[in-house]
Amino acid sequence: MRFLNLFRTTAFRLALIYLLLFAASAFALIAFIYWNTAGFMAAQTDETINAEIQGLREQYGASGLPGLRQVVIERSSVARGGLYLLANSDQSRIAGNLDRWPDAPTGQGGWVDFTYDRPSLSGSDRRSARARHLELLGGFQLLVGRDVHERREIEDRIESALFWSACITVGLGLIGGLLMSRNVTRRLDVINETTRDIIDGDLNRRVPLSGSNDEFDELATNLNDMLDQIGSLMAGMSEVADNIAHDLRTPLNRLRSRLEVTLMKPASELEYREALEGAIAESDQLISTFNSLLLIARAETGQARENFEELELKSVLTDVVELYEPLAEAKRITLKTSASQAAPINGDRGLISQMLANLIDNAIKYTPEDGMVTVSIRRTGRHAVVEVRDTGAGIPQAEREHVLRRFVRLEASRNEPGSGLGLSLVAAVARLHDAEITLGDAKPGLIATLRFHLKD
């Protein structure tokens, strides 16, 4: 990114706004201190002058011109910073430590701001002064003031410091804003470059981390996790497409062959009926597969959250178990339930019923005759735990995570009816409900455990 482009970045604008707010606050604070300090010193000077001129007026009223002249001479000889001038009506000097009447005009209230020459080792210094002019009876003129040169220098220094502080603050702020925006922009450029490469087809690119563990590293980590998840979903979609093509091709070919064979030669009404019934059975199996895929998609996209409600898990489980009792009896399998505790949760009743039905159906399907399937529910802390245990062949430990994917069927179950979507639907519904599913060894058989969060 070119240097001038830094001025158009959001980071620089934010830094500039912060700088302006900080500079305005600092300027207002210094200005407040300055005006209060300068105002206090000016008011103190005016009060001192007013007090002195009031005393000299009273002295003139009591002792006349000779007494006033004597006091002015005494104060002029000992005063530090005090300025005095007693003059005739034509403003010619009678007494005081000022050589002549100031050239400055008298302002409102008799106040005069002027400059004068004060003797020094190098000759004379030009000094600033403030005084008050008082006209006395008889036409005499009295000027009483103070040397304010040091005060004016302090005020000038404060003003200069205020100006240079503002310049330095703005300058350092601009430099800091540029450096900060450059650093932020560099990090963003890395992220943008990575995303552009990914858009161009390099799906293996990931955002590099700086190792500082700051918010940009956190953003990069989240982006990388998102990219990993997208990659996993794309791989899953590719796998699903391959599995659909593989697993649906066989029943479709079988359906077509059945109908084709039937049409190859004249057949009786009974043979046609058997062919149609077989086709309907194959069609039902295909429809069931697609319905399972739709349920899985509905669960994985979170659409079913709209139907969440408070429900009693024990009641749902009892209804599903009653539905499968005839099937278990037909296979001479003992179906036992243990659900003594209430377990209120939030969820979609239909999906949870389908999930429990798939687990119980699988348990009955893969349990041999005279076997046992046990379904139980219990509460542990803030969780409701559902277990479906059978006495079948079980699933090898290495395959337990694999069977939760779509269209996965173990070699031992290839000849059994089904589409390989039962456990993947269970896993999808569990994720939708923030539940945890684990498959374990029942010794013998399989134990499937679901852990739900109880309703608060």
Protein backbone atom coordinates (compact mmCIF):
# COMPACT_ATOMS: atom_id res chain seq x y z
CA MET A 1 0.00 0.00 0.00
CA ARG A 2 1.36 3.42 -0.93
CA PHE A 3 2.25 5.81 1.88
CA LEU A 4 -0.43 8.34 0.90
CA ASN A 5 -3.07 5.63 1.11
CA LEU A 6 -2.45 5.44 4.86
CA PHE A 7 -4.27 8.76 5.24
CA ARG A 8 -7.44 7.13 3.90
CA THR A 9 -7.38 4.17 6.28
CA THR A 10 -9.89 3.77 9.08
CA ALA A 11 -7.06 3.25 11.58
CA PHE A 12 -5.54 6.63 10.68
CA ARG A 13 -8.91 8.38 10.87
CA LEU A 14 -9.57 6.88 14.30
CA ALA A 15 -6.10 7.90 15.46
CA LEU A 16 -6.68 11.41 14.10
CA ILE A 17 -10.04 11.70 15.86
CA TYR A 18 -8.47 10.55 19.12
CA LEU A 19 -5.64 13.03 18.58
CA LEU A 20 -8.04 15.92 18.01
CA LEU A 21 -10.07 15.01 21.09
CA PHE A 22 -6.92 14.69 23.20
CA ALA A 23 -5.43 17.93 21.84
CA ALA A 24 -8.70 19.81 22.40
CA SER A 25 -8.91 18.50 25.96
CA ALA A 26 -5.27 19.37 26.69
CA PHE A 27 -5.64 22.81 25.09
CA ALA A 28 -8.80 23.53 27.07
CA LEU A 29 -7.10 22.48 30.31
CA ILE A 30 -3.98 24.58 29.69
CA ALA A 31 -6.10 27.53 28.54
CA PHE A 32 -8.21 27.27 31.68
CA ILE A 33 -5.08 27.28 33.85
CA TYR A 34 -3.61 30.16 31.84
CA TRP A 35 -6.67 32.39 31.99
CA ASN A 36 -7.17 31.73 35.67
CA THR A 37 -3.51 32.37 36.48
CA ALA A 38 -3.21 35.48 34.31
CA GLY A 39 -6.56 36.78 35.51
CA PHE A 40 -5.59 36.26 39.14
CA MET A 41 -2.27 38.10 38.71
CA ALA A 42 -3.96 40.97 36.83
CA ALA A 43 -6.69 41.28 39.45
CA GLN A 44 -4.10 41.21 42.22
CA THR A 45 -2.14 44.01 40.51
CA ASP A 46 -5.26 46.17 40.08
CA GLU A 47 -6.30 45.62 43.69
CA THR A 48 -2.85 46.67 44.91
CA ILE A 49 -2.96 49.84 42.77
CA ASN A 50 -6.48 50.69 43.95
CA ALA A 51 -5.48 50.24 47.57
CA GLU A 52 -2.42 52.50 47.18
CA ILE A 53 -4.24 55.23 45.29
CA GLN A 54 -7.02 55.24 47.87
CA GLY A 55 -4.45 55.69 50.63
CA LEU A 56 -2.70 58.52 48.79
CA ARG A 57 -6.04 60.26 48.17
CA GLU A 58 -6.76 60.16 51.89
CA GLN A 59 -3.24 61.48 52.59
CA TYR A 60 -3.84 64.38 50.23
CA GLY A 61 -7.12 65.17 51.92
CA ALA A 62 -5.46 65.17 55.34
CA SER A 63 -2.05 66.79 54.65
CA GLY A 64 -2.52 68.59 51.36
CA LEU A 65 0.01 68.70 48.57
CA PRO A 66 3.13 68.86 50.80
CA GLY A 67 2.09 65.78 52.74
CA LEU A 68 1.21 63.87 49.54
CA ARG A 69 4.52 64.90 47.94
CA GLN A 70 6.46 63.60 50.95
CA VAL A 71 4.66 60.24 50.90
CA VAL A 72 5.21 59.85 47.14
CA ILE A 73 8.93 60.55 47.57
CA GLU A 74 9.19 58.00 50.40
CA ARG A 75 7.34 55.28 48.53
CA SER A 76 9.25 55.96 45.31
CA SER A 77 12.53 55.40 47.13
CA VAL A 78 11.62 52.09 48.75
CA ALA A 79 8.93 50.57 46.46
CA ARG A 80 9.81 47.40 44.57
CA GLY A 81 7.84 47.43 41.38
CA GLY A 82 5.76 50.39 42.48
CA LEU A 83 5.52 53.37 40.13
CA TYR A 84 4.51 56.87 41.28
CA LEU A 85 4.23 60.27 39.63
CA LEU A 86 2.79 63.47 41.13
CA ALA A 87 2.44 66.21 38.51
CA ASN A 88 0.98 69.66 37.96
CA SER A 89 -2.05 70.33 35.82
CA ASP A 90 0.20 70.41 32.76
CA GLN A 91 1.54 66.94 33.78
CA SER A 92 5.01 68.26 34.64
CA ARG A 93 6.74 66.18 37.31
CA ILE A 94 6.62 67.23 41.00
CA ALA A 95 7.70 63.93 42.65
CA GLY A 96 7.89 60.21 41.93
CA ASN A 97 10.12 57.62 40.35
CA LEU A 98 8.81 58.18 36.80
CA ASP A 99 10.67 60.80 34.76
CA ARG A 100 7.67 61.93 32.72
CA TRP A 101 4.02 61.40 32.17
CA PRO A 102 3.31 58.39 29.92
CA ASP A 103 2.34 58.96 26.31
CA ALA A 104 -0.44 56.34 26.51
CA PRO A 105 -4.03 57.61 26.73
CA THR A 106 -6.08 57.15 29.89
CA GLY A 107 -8.69 54.48 29.50
CA GLN A 108 -12.00 53.74 31.21
CA GLY A 109 -11.77 54.04 35.00
CA GLY A 110 -8.50 55.96 34.73
CA TRP A 111 -6.41 52.93 33.83
CA VAL A 112 -3.28 53.38 31.73
CA ASP A 113 -1.13 50.65 30.15
CA PHE A 114 2.27 52.00 29.04
CA THR A 115 5.99 51.33 28.76
CA TYR A 116 8.81 53.15 30.48
CA ASP A 117 12.62 53.06 30.70
CA ARG A 118 14.12 51.70 33.91
CA PRO A 119 17.83 52.24 34.61
CA SER A 120 19.98 49.10 34.62
CA LEU A 121 23.66 48.06 34.57
CA SER A 122 23.59 48.08 30.77
CA GLY A 123 21.92 51.50 30.55
CA SER A 124 18.14 51.17 30.61
CA ASP A 125 15.48 48.52 30.03
CA ARG A 126 12.16 48.94 28.31
CA ARG A 127 9.52 47.76 30.78
CA SER A 128 5.74 47.29 30.76
CA ALA A 129 3.59 48.96 33.39
CA ARG A 130 -0.02 49.40 34.42
CA ALA A 131 -1.21 52.39 36.43
CA ARG A 132 -4.25 54.37 37.44
CA HIS A 133 -4.64 58.09 36.83
CA LEU A 134 -6.30 60.21 39.50
CA GLU A 135 -7.09 63.92 39.22
CA LEU A 136 -6.77 65.79 42.56
CA LEU A 137 -8.32 69.02 43.73
CA GLY A 138 -6.34 71.99 42.50
CA GLY A 139 -5.65 70.41 39.13
CA PHE A 140 -2.86 68.16 40.33
CA GLN A 141 -2.37 64.77 38.64
CA LEU A 142 -1.47 61.54 40.44
CA LEU A 143 -0.35 58.34 38.69
CA VAL A 144 0.06 55.16 40.73
CA GLY A 145 1.09 51.91 39.04
CA ARG A 146 3.03 48.68 39.10
CA ASP A 147 5.73 47.19 36.94
CA VAL A 148 4.03 44.25 35.16
CA HIS A 149 6.92 43.29 32.92
CA GLU A 150 7.58 39.95 34.70
CA ARG A 151 3.89 39.17 34.66
CA ARG A 152 3.67 39.84 30.94
CA GLU A 153 6.73 37.66 30.34
CA ILE A 154 5.09 34.82 32.28
CA GLU A 155 1.95 35.23 30.22
CA ASP A 156 3.98 35.24 26.99
CA ARG A 157 5.83 32.11 28.06
CA ILE A 158 2.58 30.38 28.91
CA GLU A 159 1.14 31.36 25.52
CA SER A 160 4.29 30.19 23.76
CA ALA A 161 4.25 26.92 25.70
CA LEU A 162 0.58 26.47 24.82
CA PHE A 163 1.29 27.04 21.13
CA TRP A 164 4.31 24.73 20.95
CA SER A 165 2.61 22.08 23.06
CA ALA A 166 -0.26 22.07 20.59
CA CYS A 167 2.18 21.83 17.66
CA ILE A 168 4.17 19.02 19.26
CA THR A 169 0.99 17.15 20.25
CA VAL A 170 -0.40 17.40 16.72
CA GLY A 171 2.93 16.46 15.16
CA LEU A 172 3.54 13.47 17.40
CA GLY A 173 -0.10 12.46 17.01
CA LEU A 174 0.19 12.51 13.21
CA ILE A 175 3.37 10.47 13.33
CA GLY A 176 1.83 8.03 15.82
CA GLY A 177 -1.33 7.81 13.72
CA LEU A 178 0.69 7.04 10.61
CA LEU A 179 2.77 4.40 12.39
CA MET A 180 -0.30 2.81 13.97
CA SER A 181 -2.31 2.83 10.75
CA ARG A 182 0.69 1.46 8.87
CA ASN A 183 0.99 -1.43 11.32
CA VAL A 184 -2.74 -2.14 11.27
CA THR A 185 -2.87 -1.85 7.49
CA ARG A 186 0.07 -4.23 7.11
CA ARG A 187 -1.77 -6.85 9.17
CA LEU A 188 -4.97 -6.30 7.18
CA ASP A 189 -3.05 -6.53 3.90
CA VAL A 190 -1.85 -9.99 4.91
CA ILE A 191 -5.44 -11.07 5.61
CA ASN A 192 -6.70 -9.53 2.35
CA GLU A 193 -3.91 -11.15 0.35
CA THR A 194 -4.71 -14.53 1.87
CA THR A 195 -8.43 -14.19 1.16
CA ARG A 196 -7.71 -13.16 -2.45
CA ASP A 197 -5.56 -16.26 -2.92
CA ILE A 198 -8.37 -18.39 -1.48
CA ILE A 199 -10.89 -16.72 -3.82
CA ASP A 200 -8.56 -17.48 -6.72
CA GLY A 201 -8.69 -21.16 -5.83
CA ASP A 202 -5.86 -21.79 -3.35
CA LEU A 203 -8.09 -23.33 -0.69
CA ASN A 204 -5.13 -24.52 1.39
CA ARG A 205 -3.95 -20.97 2.20
CA ARG A 206 -4.34 -19.82 5.80
CA VAL A 207 -3.84 -16.45 7.49
CA PRO A 208 -0.41 -16.37 9.20
CA LEU A 209 -0.21 -15.49 12.91
CA SER A 210 2.21 -12.91 14.27
CA GLY A 211 2.53 -14.64 17.64
CA SER A 212 1.48 -11.55 19.60
CA ASN A 213 -1.87 -13.10 20.60
CA ASP A 214 -3.59 -9.77 19.95
CA GLU A 215 -7.00 -9.20 18.40
CA PHE A 216 -5.59 -9.66 14.90
CA ASP A 217 -4.19 -13.06 15.86
CA GLU A 218 -7.60 -13.91 17.32
CA LEU A 219 -9.24 -12.78 14.06
CA ALA A 220 -6.74 -14.81 12.03
CA THR A 221 -7.37 -17.87 14.21
CA ASN A 222 -11.14 -17.54 13.76
CA LEU A 223 -10.74 -17.10 10.01
CA ASN A 224 -8.50 -20.15 9.80
CA ASP A 225 -10.97 -22.18 11.85
CA MET A 226 -13.76 -21.00 9.56
CA LEU A 227 -11.73 -21.95 6.49
CA ASP A 228 -11.01 -25.36 8.01
CA GLN A 229 -14.72 -25.81 8.67
CA ILE A 230 -15.59 -24.74 5.13
CA GLY A 231 -12.98 -27.13 3.78
CA SER A 232 -14.40 -29.91 5.91
CA LEU A 233 -17.92 -29.14 4.71
CA MET A 234 -16.80 -29.11 1.09
CA ALA A 235 -15.00 -32.41 1.57
CA GLY A 236 -18.13 -33.74 3.23
CA MET A 237 -20.28 -32.55 0.34
CA SER A 238 -17.94 -34.25 -2.10
CA GLU A 239 -18.06 -37.41 -0.01
CA VAL A 240 -21.84 -37.21 0.21
CA ALA A 241 -22.11 -36.79 -3.55
CA ASP A 242 -19.89 -39.82 -4.08
CA ASN A 243 -21.85 -41.84 -1.53
CA ILE A 244 -25.18 -40.84 -3.04
CA ALA A 245 -23.97 -41.86 -6.47
CA HIS A 246 -22.70 -45.16 -5.07
CA ASP A 247 -25.50 -46.07 -2.67
CA LEU A 248 -28.44 -44.91 -4.77
CA ARG A 249 -27.15 -46.33 -8.02
CA THR A 250 -27.68 -49.92 -6.84
CA PRO A 251 -31.38 -49.61 -5.88
CA LEU A 252 -32.10 -47.55 -9.00
CA ASN A 253 -30.42 -50.15 -11.22
CA ARG A 254 -32.25 -52.92 -9.37
CA LEU A 255 -35.55 -51.11 -9.85
CA ARG A 256 -34.90 -50.61 -13.57
CA SER A 257 -33.77 -54.22 -14.04
CA ARG A 258 -36.85 -55.55 -12.27
CA LEU A 259 -39.16 -53.57 -14.54
CA GLU A 260 -37.11 -54.34 -17.66
CA VAL A 261 -37.09 -58.09 -17.00
CA THR A 262 -40.84 -58.01 -16.43
CA LEU A 263 -41.36 -56.34 -19.82
CA MET A 264 -39.02 -58.66 -21.71
CA LYS A 265 -41.59 -61.47 -21.89
CA PRO A 266 -45.31 -61.89 -21.45
CA ALA A 267 -46.18 -62.24 -17.78
CA SER A 268 -49.20 -63.14 -15.75
CA GLU A 269 -51.14 -60.67 -13.65
CA LEU A 270 -49.49 -62.10 -10.55
CA GLU A 271 -46.01 -61.55 -11.97
CA TYR A 272 -46.86 -57.97 -12.92
CA ARG A 273 -48.21 -57.39 -9.44
CA GLU A 274 -45.06 -58.79 -7.86
CA ALA A 275 -42.92 -56.60 -10.14
CA LEU A 276 -44.91 -53.49 -9.23
CA GLU A 277 -44.81 -54.31 -5.52
CA GLY A 278 -41.05 -54.75 -5.73
CA ALA A 279 -40.73 -51.42 -7.56
CA ILE A 280 -42.84 -49.72 -4.92
CA ALA A 281 -40.64 -51.21 -2.19
CA GLU A 282 -37.51 -49.96 -3.94
CA SER A 283 -39.12 -46.55 -4.41
CA ASP A 284 -40.06 -46.40 -0.72
CA GLN A 285 -36.45 -47.13 0.18
CA LEU A 286 -35.25 -44.30 -2.09
CA ILE A 287 -37.85 -41.90 -0.66
CA SER A 288 -36.76 -42.85 2.85
CA THR A 289 -33.15 -42.13 1.94
CA PHE A 290 -33.99 -38.71 0.54
CA ASN A 291 -36.22 -37.92 3.53
CA SER A 292 -33.31 -38.76 5.82
CA LEU A 293 -31.04 -36.46 3.81
CA LEU A 294 -33.59 -33.64 4.11
CA LEU A 295 -33.85 -34.17 7.87
CA ILE A 296 -30.06 -34.09 8.20
CA ALA A 297 -29.85 -30.90 6.12
CA ARG A 298 -32.64 -29.31 8.18
CA ALA A 299 -30.80 -30.16 11.38
CA GLU A 300 -27.35 -29.03 10.17
CA THR A 301 -28.58 -25.68 8.84
CA GLY A 302 -30.32 -24.87 12.14
CA GLN A 303 -33.74 -24.32 10.52
CA ALA A 304 -35.38 -26.56 13.11
CA ARG A 305 -34.47 -24.15 15.92
CA GLU A 306 -37.64 -22.24 15.01
CA ASN A 307 -39.65 -25.21 16.33
CA PHE A 308 -37.82 -25.51 19.65
CA GLU A 309 -40.09 -25.84 22.66
CA GLU A 310 -39.94 -27.07 26.19
CA LEU A 311 -40.50 -30.81 26.21
CA GLU A 312 -40.15 -33.74 28.59
CA LEU A 313 -37.45 -36.09 27.32
CA LYS A 314 -38.80 -38.96 29.41
CA SER A 315 -42.22 -38.68 27.71
CA VAL A 316 -40.68 -38.62 24.21
CA LEU A 317 -38.50 -41.64 24.99
CA THR A 318 -41.45 -43.61 26.39
CA ASP A 319 -43.51 -42.98 23.23
CA VAL A 320 -40.67 -44.14 20.95
CA VAL A 321 -40.04 -47.29 23.02
CA GLU A 322 -43.74 -48.21 22.87
CA LEU A 323 -43.58 -47.83 19.08
CA TYR A 324 -40.75 -50.40 18.80
CA GLU A 325 -42.02 -52.95 21.32
CA PRO A 326 -43.88 -55.00 18.63
CA LEU A 327 -40.74 -55.13 16.45
CA ALA A 328 -38.67 -56.32 19.40
CA GLU A 329 -41.24 -59.00 20.26
CA ALA A 330 -41.26 -60.17 16.66
CA LYS A 331 -37.49 -60.76 16.85
CA ARG A 332 -37.79 -62.30 20.34
CA ILE A 333 -35.68 -59.45 21.76
CA THR A 334 -36.23 -58.14 25.27
CA LEU A 335 -36.75 -54.35 25.20
CA LYS A 336 -36.24 -52.85 28.68
CA THR A 337 -36.68 -49.21 29.74
CA SER A 338 -35.50 -47.29 32.77
CA ALA A 339 -36.79 -43.72 32.89
CA SER A 340 -37.82 -42.81 36.41
CA GLN A 341 -36.63 -39.17 36.47
CA ALA A 342 -38.15 -36.19 34.66
CA ALA A 343 -35.79 -34.46 32.22
CA PRO A 344 -37.11 -31.17 30.78
CA ILE A 345 -35.14 -29.84 27.77
CA ASN A 346 -35.59 -27.40 24.87
CA GLY A 347 -35.77 -28.96 21.44
CA ASP A 348 -37.67 -30.07 18.37
CA ARG A 349 -39.92 -32.97 19.38
CA GLY A 350 -40.07 -34.50 15.91
CA LEU A 351 -36.30 -34.55 15.38
CA ILE A 352 -35.57 -35.88 18.85
CA SER A 353 -38.16 -38.61 18.35
CA GLN A 354 -36.53 -39.53 15.02
CA MET A 355 -33.09 -39.54 16.63
CA LEU A 356 -34.18 -41.88 19.45
CA ALA A 357 -36.08 -44.05 16.95
CA ASN A 358 -32.94 -44.46 14.81
CA LEU A 359 -30.87 -45.53 17.82
CA ILE A 360 -33.48 -48.04 19.02
CA ASP A 361 -34.10 -49.31 15.47
CA ASN A 362 -30.37 -49.91 14.94
CA ALA A 363 -30.09 -51.64 18.32
CA ILE A 364 -32.96 -54.01 17.50
CA LYS A 365 -31.74 -54.57 13.93
CA TYR A 366 -28.23 -55.67 14.95
CA THR A 367 -29.18 -57.61 18.09
CA PRO A 368 -29.61 -61.36 17.51
CA GLU A 369 -32.69 -63.28 18.67
CA ASP A 370 -33.06 -63.78 22.42
CA GLY A 371 -30.88 -60.71 22.90
CA MET A 372 -31.63 -57.58 24.93
CA VAL A 373 -31.94 -53.87 24.23
CA THR A 374 -31.95 -51.52 27.23
CA VAL A 375 -33.04 -47.88 26.99
CA SER A 376 -32.50 -45.64 30.02
CA ILE A 377 -32.55 -42.01 31.01
CA ARG A 378 -31.00 -40.39 34.08
CA ARG A 379 -30.01 -36.98 35.37
CA THR A 380 -26.44 -36.05 36.24
CA GLY A 381 -26.06 -32.48 37.47
CA ARG A 382 -27.37 -30.13 34.79
CA HIS A 383 -27.54 -32.85 32.12
CA ALA A 384 -29.99 -35.53 31.01
CA VAL A 385 -28.24 -38.70 29.84
CA VAL A 386 -29.96 -41.16 27.47
CA GLU A 387 -28.37 -44.58 26.89
CA VAL A 388 -29.33 -47.20 24.31
CA ARG A 389 -27.52 -50.49 24.99
CA ASP A 390 -27.74 -53.69 22.94
CA THR A 391 -26.16 -57.16 23.00
CA GLY A 392 -25.25 -57.29 19.31
CA ALA A 393 -21.87 -57.41 17.60
CA GLY A 394 -21.03 -53.78 18.40
CA ILE A 395 -18.82 -51.44 16.40
CA PRO A 396 -15.01 -51.57 16.42
CA GLN A 397 -13.47 -48.63 18.24
CA ALA A 398 -11.65 -47.42 15.12
CA GLU A 399 -14.97 -47.16 13.23
CA ARG A 400 -17.11 -45.42 15.87
CA GLU A 401 -16.41 -41.87 14.68
CA HIS A 402 -16.60 -42.94 11.04
CA VAL A 403 -20.11 -44.40 11.28
CA LEU A 404 -21.52 -40.99 12.30
CA ARG A 405 -20.97 -39.76 8.75
CA ARG A 406 -23.45 -40.02 5.88
CA PHE A 407 -23.83 -43.27 3.92
CA VAL A 408 -21.23 -45.08 6.02
CA ARG A 409 -22.00 -48.77 6.41
CA LEU A 410 -19.70 -51.37 7.91
CA GLU A 411 -18.87 -54.48 5.92
CA ALA A 412 -20.82 -56.65 8.35
CA SER A 413 -24.00 -54.70 7.62
CA ARG A 414 -23.69 -54.38 3.85
CA ASN A 415 -26.34 -57.05 3.29
CA GLU A 416 -28.78 -55.49 5.79
CA PRO A 417 -31.46 -53.11 4.49
CA GLY A 418 -30.73 -49.46 5.07
CA SER A 419 -29.01 -46.40 3.63
CA GLY A 420 -26.28 -45.67 6.17
CA LEU A 421 -27.94 -42.41 7.24
CA GLY A 422 -29.35 -43.43 10.61
CA LEU A 423 -26.40 -42.55 12.83
CA SER A 424 -25.47 -39.49 10.75
CA LEU A 425 -29.00 -38.16 11.40
CA VAL A 426 -28.52 -38.87 15.12
CA ALA A 427 -25.23 -36.90 15.07
CA ALA A 428 -26.79 -33.97 13.18
CA VAL A 429 -29.76 -33.70 15.55
CA ALA A 430 -27.42 -33.95 18.54
CA ARG A 431 -25.33 -31.05 17.24
CA LEU A 432 -28.47 -29.00 16.64
CA HIS A 433 -29.46 -29.46 20.29
CA ASP A 434 -25.92 -28.90 21.64
CA ALA A 435 -25.97 -32.47 22.84
CA GLU A 436 -23.03 -34.84 22.99
CA ILE A 437 -23.13 -38.31 21.43
CA THR A 438 -20.62 -41.06 22.19
CA LEU A 439 -20.46 -44.69 21.09
CA GLY A 440 -18.95 -47.22 23.47
CA ASP A 441 -18.46 -50.91 24.08
CA ALA A 442 -21.30 -52.62 25.97
CA LYS A 443 -19.34 -55.92 26.25
CA PRO A 444 -21.02 -57.37 24.31
CA GLY A 445 -22.78 -54.98 21.99
CA LEU A 446 -22.87 -51.24 21.53
CA ILE A 447 -23.86 -48.50 23.96
CA ALA A 448 -24.92 -45.15 22.46
CA THR A 449 -24.96 -42.24 24.94
CA LEU A 450 -26.64 -38.87 24.44
CA ARG A 451 -26.01 -36.03 26.90
CA PHE A 452 -28.52 -33.13 26.77
CA HIS A 453 -28.50 -29.85 28.67
CA LEU A 454 -31.46 -29.62 31.05
CA LYS A 455 -33.74 -26.60 30.70
CA ASP A 456 -32.85 -23.78 33.09
